[in-house]
PDB file of N, CA and C in Angstrom:
ATOM      1  N   MET A   1     -25.560  77.429 -52.971  1.00  0.00           N
ATOM      2  CA  MET A   1     -26.651  76.778 -53.645  1.00  0.00           C
ATOM      3  C   MET A   1     -26.589  77.192 -55.114  1.00  0.00           C
ATOM      4  N   PRO A   2     -26.739  76.265 -56.012  1.00  0.00           N
ATOM      5  CA  PRO A   2     -26.663  76.615 -57.432  1.00  0.00           C
ATOM      6  C   PRO A   2     -27.752  77.611 -57.845  1.00  0.00           C
ATOM      7  N   ALA A   3     -27.455  78.428 -58.831  1.00  0.00           N
ATOM      8  CA  ALA A   3     -28.387  79.464 -59.276  1.00  0.00           C
ATOM      9  C   ALA A   3     -29.690  78.887 -59.826  1.00  0.00           C
ATOM     10  N   ASP A   4     -29.665  77.661 -60.355  1.00  0.00           N
ATOM     11  CA  ASP A   4     -30.875  77.090 -60.948  1.00  0.00           C
ATOM     12  C   ASP A   4     -31.736  76.320 -59.942  1.00  0.00           C
ATOM     13  N   LYS A   5     -31.422  76.382 -58.664  1.00  0.00           N
ATOM     14  CA  LYS A   5     -32.174  75.668 -57.618  1.00  0.00           C
ATOM     15  C   LYS A   5     -32.895  76.664 -56.715  1.00  0.00           C
ATOM     16  N   ASP A   6     -34.060  76.258 -56.209  1.00  0.00           N
ATOM     17  CA  ASP A   6     -34.767  77.108 -55.259  1.00  0.00           C
ATOM     18  C   ASP A   6     -35.089  76.363 -53.963  1.00  0.00           C
ATOM     19  N   VAL A   7     -34.536  75.150 -53.817  1.00  0.00           N
ATOM     20  CA  VAL A   7     -34.740  74.348 -52.612  1.00  0.00           C
ATOM     21  C   VAL A   7     -33.401  73.727 -52.228  1.00  0.00           C
ATOM     22  N   ALA A   8     -33.146  73.668 -50.920  1.00  0.00           N
ATOM     23  CA  ALA A   8     -31.913  73.049 -50.442  1.00  0.00           C
ATOM     24  C   ALA A   8     -32.191  72.293 -49.156  1.00  0.00           C
ATOM     25  N   ASP A   9     -31.545  71.171 -48.979  1.00  0.00           N
ATOM     26  CA  ASP A   9     -31.595  70.433 -47.717  1.00  0.00           C
ATOM     27  C   ASP A   9     -30.484  70.975 -46.826  1.00  0.00           C
ATOM     28  N   ILE A  10     -30.812  71.208 -45.569  1.00  0.00           N
ATOM     29  CA  ILE A  10     -29.800  71.676 -44.634  1.00  0.00           C
ATOM     30  C   ILE A  10     -29.834  70.794 -43.391  1.00  0.00           C
ATOM     31  N   ALA A  11     -28.723  70.718 -42.709  1.00  0.00           N
ATOM     32  CA  ALA A  11     -28.637  69.992 -41.444  1.00  0.00           C
ATOM     33  C   ALA A  11     -28.289  71.001 -40.358  1.00  0.00           C
ATOM     34  N   ILE A  12     -28.989  70.890 -39.252  1.00  0.00           N
ATOM     35  CA  ILE A  12     -28.749  71.795 -38.136  1.00  0.00           C
ATOM     36  C   ILE A  12     -28.220  70.968 -36.976  1.00  0.00           C
ATOM     37  N   THR A  13     -27.106  71.385 -36.410  1.00  0.00           N
ATOM     38  CA  THR A  13     -26.555  70.693 -35.254  1.00  0.00           C
ATOM     39  C   THR A  13     -26.563  71.632 -34.060  1.00  0.00           C
ATOM     40  N   VAL A  14     -26.652  71.047 -32.891  1.00  0.00           N
ATOM     41  CA  VAL A  14     -26.646  71.833 -31.655  1.00  0.00           C
ATOM     42  C   VAL A  14     -25.618  71.238 -30.703  1.00  0.00           C
ATOM     43  N   PRO A  15     -25.149  72.011 -29.746  1.00  0.00           N
ATOM     44  CA  PRO A  15     -24.220  71.462 -28.762  1.00  0.00           C
ATOM     45  C   PRO A  15     -24.876  70.315 -27.999  1.00  0.00           C
ATOM     46  N   SER A  16     -24.086  69.443 -27.460  1.00  0.00           N
ATOM     47  CA  SER A  16     -24.623  68.271 -26.758  1.00  0.00           C
ATOM     48  C   SER A  16     -25.047  68.604 -25.332  1.00  0.00           C
ATOM     49  N   ALA A  17     -25.479  69.831 -25.102  1.00  0.00           N
ATOM     50  CA  ALA A  17     -25.871  70.257 -23.757  1.00  0.00           C
ATOM     51  C   ALA A  17     -27.186  69.638 -23.303  1.00  0.00           C
ATOM     52  N   GLY A  18     -27.950  69.088 -24.206  1.00  0.00           N
ATOM     53  CA  GLY A  18     -29.188  68.432 -23.809  1.00  0.00           C
ATOM     54  C   GLY A  18     -30.410  69.000 -24.479  1.00  0.00           C
ATOM     55  N   GLU A  19     -31.558  68.643 -23.917  1.00  0.00           N
ATOM     56  CA  GLU A  19     -32.835  69.002 -24.497  1.00  0.00           C
ATOM     57  C   GLU A  19     -33.308  70.369 -24.019  1.00  0.00           C
ATOM     58  N   THR A  20     -34.270  70.921 -24.732  1.00  0.00           N
ATOM     59  CA  THR A  20     -34.900  72.162 -24.303  1.00  0.00           C
ATOM     60  C   THR A  20     -36.313  71.852 -23.832  1.00  0.00           C
ATOM     61  N   GLU A  21     -36.751  72.549 -22.787  1.00  0.00           N
ATOM     62  CA  GLU A  21     -38.108  72.355 -22.297  1.00  0.00           C
ATOM     63  C   GLU A  21     -39.112  73.123 -23.137  1.00  0.00           C
ATOM     64  N   LYS A  22     -38.690  74.251 -23.679  1.00  0.00           N
ATOM     65  CA  LYS A  22     -39.548  75.091 -24.494  1.00  0.00           C
ATOM     66  C   LYS A  22     -38.981  75.130 -25.912  1.00  0.00           C
ATOM     67  N   PRO A  23     -39.827  75.435 -26.900  1.00  0.00           N
ATOM     68  CA  PRO A  23     -39.299  75.539 -28.264  1.00  0.00           C
ATOM     69  C   PRO A  23     -38.313  76.697 -28.390  1.00  0.00           C
ATOM     70  N   VAL A  24     -37.380  76.538 -29.293  1.00  0.00           N
ATOM     71  CA  VAL A  24     -36.360  77.552 -29.571  1.00  0.00           C
ATOM     72  C   VAL A  24     -36.686  78.169 -30.930  1.00  0.00           C
ATOM     73  N   THR A  25     -36.606  79.483 -31.015  1.00  0.00           N
ATOM     74  CA  THR A  25     -36.876  80.177 -32.274  1.00  0.00           C
ATOM     75  C   THR A  25     -35.611  80.192 -33.126  1.00  0.00           C
ATOM     76  N   LEU A  26     -35.733  79.729 -34.372  1.00  0.00           N
ATOM     77  CA  LEU A  26     -34.614  79.782 -35.315  1.00  0.00           C
ATOM     78  C   LEU A  26     -34.792  80.984 -36.225  1.00  0.00           C
ATOM     79  N   MET A  27     -33.686  81.616 -36.535  1.00  0.00           N
ATOM     80  CA  MET A  27     -33.686  82.705 -37.510  1.00  0.00           C
ATOM     81  C   MET A  27     -32.687  82.321 -38.594  1.00  0.00           C
ATOM     82  N   LEU A  28     -33.147  82.285 -39.834  1.00  0.00           N
ATOM     83  CA  LEU A  28     -32.299  81.902 -40.954  1.00  0.00           C
ATOM     84  C   LEU A  28     -32.085  83.108 -41.860  1.00  0.00           C
ATOM     85  N   GLU A  29     -30.878  83.191 -42.417  1.00  0.00           N
ATOM     86  CA  GLU A  29     -30.526  84.305 -43.277  1.00  0.00           C
ATOM     87  C   GLU A  29     -29.814  83.761 -44.507  1.00  0.00           C
ATOM     88  N   GLY A  30     -30.184  84.264 -45.650  1.00  0.00           N
ATOM     89  CA  GLY A  30     -29.527  83.883 -46.889  1.00  0.00           C
ATOM     90  C   GLY A  30     -28.561  84.966 -47.326  1.00  0.00           C
ATOM     91  N   ILE A  31     -27.403  84.564 -47.789  1.00  0.00           N
ATOM     92  CA  ILE A  31     -26.395  85.512 -48.250  1.00  0.00           C
ATOM     93  C   ILE A  31     -25.924  85.066 -49.631  1.00  0.00           C
ATOM     94  N   ALA A  32     -25.910  85.997 -50.570  1.00  0.00           N
ATOM     95  CA  ALA A  32     -25.463  85.693 -51.933  1.00  0.00           C
ATOM     96  C   ALA A  32     -24.525  86.796 -52.394  1.00  0.00           C
ATOM     97  N   GLU A  33     -23.686  86.459 -53.350  1.00  0.00           N
ATOM     98  CA  GLU A  33     -22.788  87.443 -53.932  1.00  0.00           C
ATOM     99  C   GLU A  33     -23.132  87.610 -55.403  1.00  0.00           C
ATOM    100  N   ASP A  34     -23.296  88.861 -55.806  1.00  0.00           N
ATOM    101  CA  ASP A  34     -23.600  89.200 -57.192  1.00  0.00           C
ATOM    102  C   ASP A  34     -22.478  90.106 -57.692  1.00  0.00           C
ATOM    103  N   GLY A  35     -21.461  89.476 -58.222  1.00  0.00           N
ATOM    104  CA  GLY A  35     -20.288  90.246 -58.635  1.00  0.00           C
ATOM    105  C   GLY A  35     -19.577  90.790 -57.415  1.00  0.00           C
ATOM    106  N   SER A  36     -19.556  92.096 -57.265  1.00  0.00           N
ATOM    107  CA  SER A  36     -18.884  92.708 -56.113  1.00  0.00           C
ATOM    108  C   SER A  36     -19.871  93.073 -55.004  1.00  0.00           C
ATOM    109  N   LYS A  37     -21.146  92.768 -55.190  1.00  0.00           N
ATOM    110  CA  LYS A  37     -22.181  93.144 -54.236  1.00  0.00           C
ATOM    111  C   LYS A  37     -22.638  91.912 -53.442  1.00  0.00           C
ATOM    112  N   THR A  38     -22.788  92.067 -52.121  1.00  0.00           N
ATOM    113  CA  THR A  38     -23.307  91.007 -51.258  1.00  0.00           C
ATOM    114  C   THR A  38     -24.766  91.319 -50.941  1.00  0.00           C
ATOM    115  N   ILE A  39     -25.631  90.320 -51.147  1.00  0.00           N
ATOM    116  CA  ILE A  39     -27.064  90.464 -50.914  1.00  0.00           C
ATOM    117  C   ILE A  39     -27.437  89.588 -49.721  1.00  0.00           C
ATOM    118  N   THR A  40     -28.147  90.159 -48.759  1.00  0.00           N
ATOM    119  CA  THR A  40     -28.560  89.435 -47.558  1.00  0.00           C
ATOM    120  C   THR A  40     -30.072  89.531 -47.420  1.00  0.00           C
ATOM    121  N   ALA A  41     -30.713  88.400 -47.074  1.00  0.00           N
ATOM    122  CA  ALA A  41     -32.165  88.392 -46.856  1.00  0.00           C
ATOM    123  C   ALA A  41     -32.498  87.441 -45.715  1.00  0.00           C
ATOM    124  N   GLU A  42     -33.373  87.894 -44.828  1.00  0.00           N
ATOM    125  CA  GLU A  42     -33.832  87.042 -43.733  1.00  0.00           C
ATOM    126  C   GLU A  42     -34.954  86.144 -44.242  1.00  0.00           C
ATOM    127  N   ALA A  43     -34.896  84.865 -43.892  1.00  0.00           N
ATOM    128  CA  ALA A  43     -35.931  83.916 -44.305  1.00  0.00           C
ATOM    129  C   ALA A  43     -37.209  84.183 -43.510  1.00  0.00           C
ATOM    130  N   VAL A  44     -38.344  84.068 -44.193  1.00  0.00           N
ATOM    131  CA  VAL A  44     -39.646  84.247 -43.556  1.00  0.00           C
ATOM    132  C   VAL A  44     -40.244  82.857 -43.333  1.00  0.00           C
ATOM    133  N   PRO A  45     -40.484  82.467 -42.075  1.00  0.00           N
ATOM    134  CA  PRO A  45     -41.084  81.155 -41.845  1.00  0.00           C
ATOM    135  C   PRO A  45     -42.507  81.123 -42.392  1.00  0.00           C
ATOM    136  N   ALA A  46     -42.887  79.993 -42.989  1.00  0.00           N
ATOM    137  CA  ALA A  46     -44.210  79.879 -43.589  1.00  0.00           C
ATOM    138  C   ALA A  46     -44.681  78.428 -43.544  1.00  0.00           C
ATOM    139  N   GLU A  47     -45.998  78.264 -43.630  1.00  0.00           N
ATOM    140  CA  GLU A  47     -46.607  76.936 -43.711  1.00  0.00           C
ATOM    141  C   GLU A  47     -47.197  76.756 -45.099  1.00  0.00           C
ATOM    142  N   ASP A  48     -47.096  75.547 -45.611  1.00  0.00           N
ATOM    143  CA  ASP A  48     -47.682  75.202 -46.905  1.00  0.00           C
ATOM    144  C   ASP A  48     -49.157  74.889 -46.663  1.00  0.00           C
ATOM    145  N   MET A  49     -50.052  75.730 -47.174  1.00  0.00           N
ATOM    146  CA  MET A  49     -51.487  75.568 -46.933  1.00  0.00           C
ATOM    147  C   MET A  49     -52.217  75.260 -48.234  1.00  0.00           C
ATOM    148  N   MET A  50     -53.311  74.499 -48.113  1.00  0.00           N
ATOM    149  CA  MET A  50     -54.152  74.211 -49.260  1.00  0.00           C
ATOM    150  C   MET A  50     -55.458  74.994 -49.117  1.00  0.00           C
ATOM    151  N   GLN A  51     -55.909  75.563 -50.206  1.00  0.00           N
ATOM    152  CA  GLN A  51     -57.157  76.315 -50.202  1.00  0.00           C
ATOM    153  C   GLN A  51     -58.088  75.727 -51.251  1.00  0.00           C
ATOM    154  N   ALA A  52     -59.322  75.499 -50.866  1.00  0.00           N
ATOM    155  CA  ALA A  52     -60.356  74.992 -51.770  1.00  0.00           C
ATOM    156  C   ALA A  52     -59.946  73.669 -52.420  1.00  0.00           C
ATOM    157  N   PHE A  53     -59.188  72.860 -51.707  1.00  0.00           N
ATOM    158  CA  PHE A  53     -58.806  71.512 -52.129  1.00  0.00           C
ATOM    159  C   PHE A  53     -57.963  71.447 -53.393  1.00  0.00           C
ATOM    160  N   ILE A  54     -57.427  72.561 -53.854  1.00  0.00           N
ATOM    161  CA  ILE A  54     -56.603  72.511 -55.056  1.00  0.00           C
ATOM    162  C   ILE A  54     -55.437  73.492 -55.008  1.00  0.00           C
ATOM    163  N   TYR A  55     -55.681  74.729 -54.616  1.00  0.00           N
ATOM    164  CA  TYR A  55     -54.626  75.739 -54.628  1.00  0.00           C
ATOM    165  C   TYR A  55     -53.753  75.616 -53.389  1.00  0.00           C
ATOM    166  N   ARG A  56     -52.466  75.662 -53.598  1.00  0.00           N
ATOM    167  CA  ARG A  56     -51.517  75.612 -52.491  1.00  0.00           C
ATOM    168  C   ARG A  56     -50.746  76.923 -52.484  1.00  0.00           C
ATOM    169  N   HIS A  57     -50.480  77.425 -51.286  1.00  0.00           N
ATOM    170  CA  HIS A  57     -49.687  78.633 -51.163  1.00  0.00           C
ATOM    171  C   HIS A  57     -49.020  78.665 -49.789  1.00  0.00           C
ATOM    172  N   LEU A  58     -47.981  79.479 -49.689  1.00  0.00           N
ATOM    173  CA  LEU A  58     -47.259  79.622 -48.429  1.00  0.00           C
ATOM    174  C   LEU A  58     -47.870  80.761 -47.630  1.00  0.00           C
ATOM    175  N   VAL A  59     -48.165  80.472 -46.357  1.00  0.00           N
ATOM    176  CA  VAL A  59     -48.744  81.467 -45.461  1.00  0.00           C
ATOM    177  C   VAL A  59     -47.709  81.785 -44.387  1.00  0.00           C
ATOM    178  N   PRO A  60     -47.292  83.047 -44.286  1.00  0.00           N
ATOM    179  CA  PRO A  60     -46.293  83.406 -43.264  1.00  0.00           C
ATOM    180  C   PRO A  60     -46.794  83.090 -41.848  1.00  0.00           C
ATOM    181  N   VAL A  61     -45.886  82.652 -40.991  1.00  0.00           N
ATOM    182  CA  VAL A  61     -46.189  82.381 -39.583  1.00  0.00           C
ATOM    183  C   VAL A  61     -45.267  83.237 -38.715  1.00  0.00           C
ATOM    184  N   ASP A  62     -45.582  83.299 -37.428  1.00  0.00           N
ATOM    185  CA  ASP A  62     -44.841  84.180 -36.519  1.00  0.00           C
ATOM    186  C   ASP A  62     -43.384  83.785 -36.340  1.00  0.00           C
ATOM    187  N   ALA A  63     -43.111  82.477 -36.254  1.00  0.00           N
ATOM    188  CA  ALA A  63     -41.745  82.057 -35.945  1.00  0.00           C
ATOM    189  C   ALA A  63     -41.497  80.631 -36.428  1.00  0.00           C
ATOM    190  N   LEU A  64     -40.224  80.310 -36.623  1.00  0.00           N
ATOM    191  CA  LEU A  64     -39.794  78.949 -36.932  1.00  0.00           C
ATOM    192  C   LEU A  64     -39.313  78.349 -35.617  1.00  0.00           C
ATOM    193  N   LEU A  65     -40.116  77.440 -35.051  1.00  0.00           N
ATOM    194  CA  LEU A  65     -39.833  76.882 -33.725  1.00  0.00           C
ATOM    195  C   LEU A  65     -39.360  75.441 -33.829  1.00  0.00           C
ATOM    196  N   VAL A  66     -38.380  75.086 -32.989  1.00  0.00           N
ATOM    197  CA  VAL A  66     -37.885  73.709 -32.920  1.00  0.00           C
ATOM    198  C   VAL A  66     -37.673  73.323 -31.460  1.00  0.00           C
ATOM    199  N   TYR A  67     -37.798  72.046 -31.193  1.00  0.00           N
ATOM    200  CA  TYR A  67     -37.410  71.488 -29.900  1.00  0.00           C
ATOM    201  C   TYR A  67     -36.086  70.768 -30.095  1.00  0.00           C
ATOM    202  N   VAL A  68     -35.203  70.873 -29.124  1.00  0.00           N
ATOM    203  CA  VAL A  68     -33.940  70.129 -29.165  1.00  0.00           C
ATOM    204  C   VAL A  68     -34.149  68.878 -28.323  1.00  0.00           C
ATOM    205  N   ARG A  69     -33.994  67.726 -28.941  1.00  0.00           N
ATOM    206  CA  ARG A  69     -34.193  66.447 -28.261  1.00  0.00           C
ATOM    207  C   ARG A  69     -32.943  65.586 -28.394  1.00  0.00           C
ATOM    208  N   THR A  70     -32.659  64.863 -27.353  1.00  0.00           N
ATOM    209  CA  THR A  70     -31.558  63.919 -27.379  1.00  0.00           C
ATOM    210  C   THR A  70     -32.001  62.707 -28.190  1.00  0.00           C
ATOM    211  N   PRO A  71     -31.196  62.265 -29.152  1.00  0.00           N
ATOM    212  CA  PRO A  71     -31.613  61.097 -29.928  1.00  0.00           C
ATOM    213  C   PRO A  71     -31.680  59.857 -29.039  1.00  0.00           C
ATOM    214  N   PRO A  72     -32.577  58.931 -29.360  1.00  0.00           N
ATOM    215  CA  PRO A  72     -32.652  57.704 -28.569  1.00  0.00           C
ATOM    216  C   PRO A  72     -31.378  56.880 -28.750  1.00  0.00           C
ATOM    217  N   PRO A  73     -31.062  56.045 -27.783  1.00  0.00           N
ATOM    218  CA  PRO A  73     -29.868  55.205 -27.940  1.00  0.00           C
ATOM    219  C   PRO A  73     -30.064  54.224 -29.088  1.00  0.00           C
ATOM    220  N   PRO A  74     -28.966  53.763 -29.683  1.00  0.00           N
ATOM    221  CA  PRO A  74     -29.093  52.812 -30.783  1.00  0.00           C
ATOM    222  C   PRO A  74     -29.678  51.490 -30.283  1.00  0.00           C
ATOM    223  N   PRO A  75     -30.351  50.747 -31.174  1.00  0.00           N
ATOM    224  CA  PRO A  75     -30.907  49.457 -30.744  1.00  0.00           C
ATOM    225  C   PRO A  75     -29.815  48.493 -30.313  1.00  0.00           C
ATOM    226  N   VAL A  76     -30.152  47.653 -29.386  1.00  0.00           N
ATOM    227  CA  VAL A  76     -29.193  46.666 -28.874  1.00  0.00           C
ATOM    228  C   VAL A  76     -29.518  45.312 -29.501  1.00  0.00           C
ATOM    229  N   LYS A  77     -28.519  44.667 -30.066  1.00  0.00           N
ATOM    230  CA  LYS A  77     -28.720  43.365 -30.673  1.00  0.00           C
ATOM    231  C   LYS A  77     -28.258  42.308 -29.671  1.00  0.00           C
ATOM    232  N   ILE A  78     -29.156  41.416 -29.328  1.00  0.00           N
ATOM    233  CA  ILE A  78     -28.830  40.353 -28.378  1.00  0.00           C
ATOM    234  C   ILE A  78     -28.674  39.057 -29.162  1.00  0.00           C
ATOM    235  N   THR A  79     -27.508  38.434 -28.996  1.00  0.00           N
ATOM    236  CA  THR A  79     -27.260  37.157 -29.691  1.00  0.00           C
ATOM    237  C   THR A  79     -27.214  36.050 -28.675  1.00  0.00           C
ATOM    238  N   PRO A  80     -27.856  34.927 -28.972  1.00  0.00           N
ATOM    239  CA  PRO A  80     -27.860  33.788 -28.023  1.00  0.00           C
ATOM    240  C   PRO A  80     -26.510  33.103 -27.926  1.00  0.00           C
TER     241      PRO A  80
END
């Protein structure tokens, strides 16, 4: 990620084993190199909250949870 950015889009893929019945906890870790030194930090899951209808801040949460779902089949085009 470029040094002048603080946001990145990421894509997460999973094996095609199927769906999960319960949410799965994700753990994300950032790794950077500063010259000869490697810096590692675990990401803290948070929610974007609004306070008093104007102030926004990130509030830490217990876990980053996801469900694994099989994508729906593509639409079928029927031609007469």
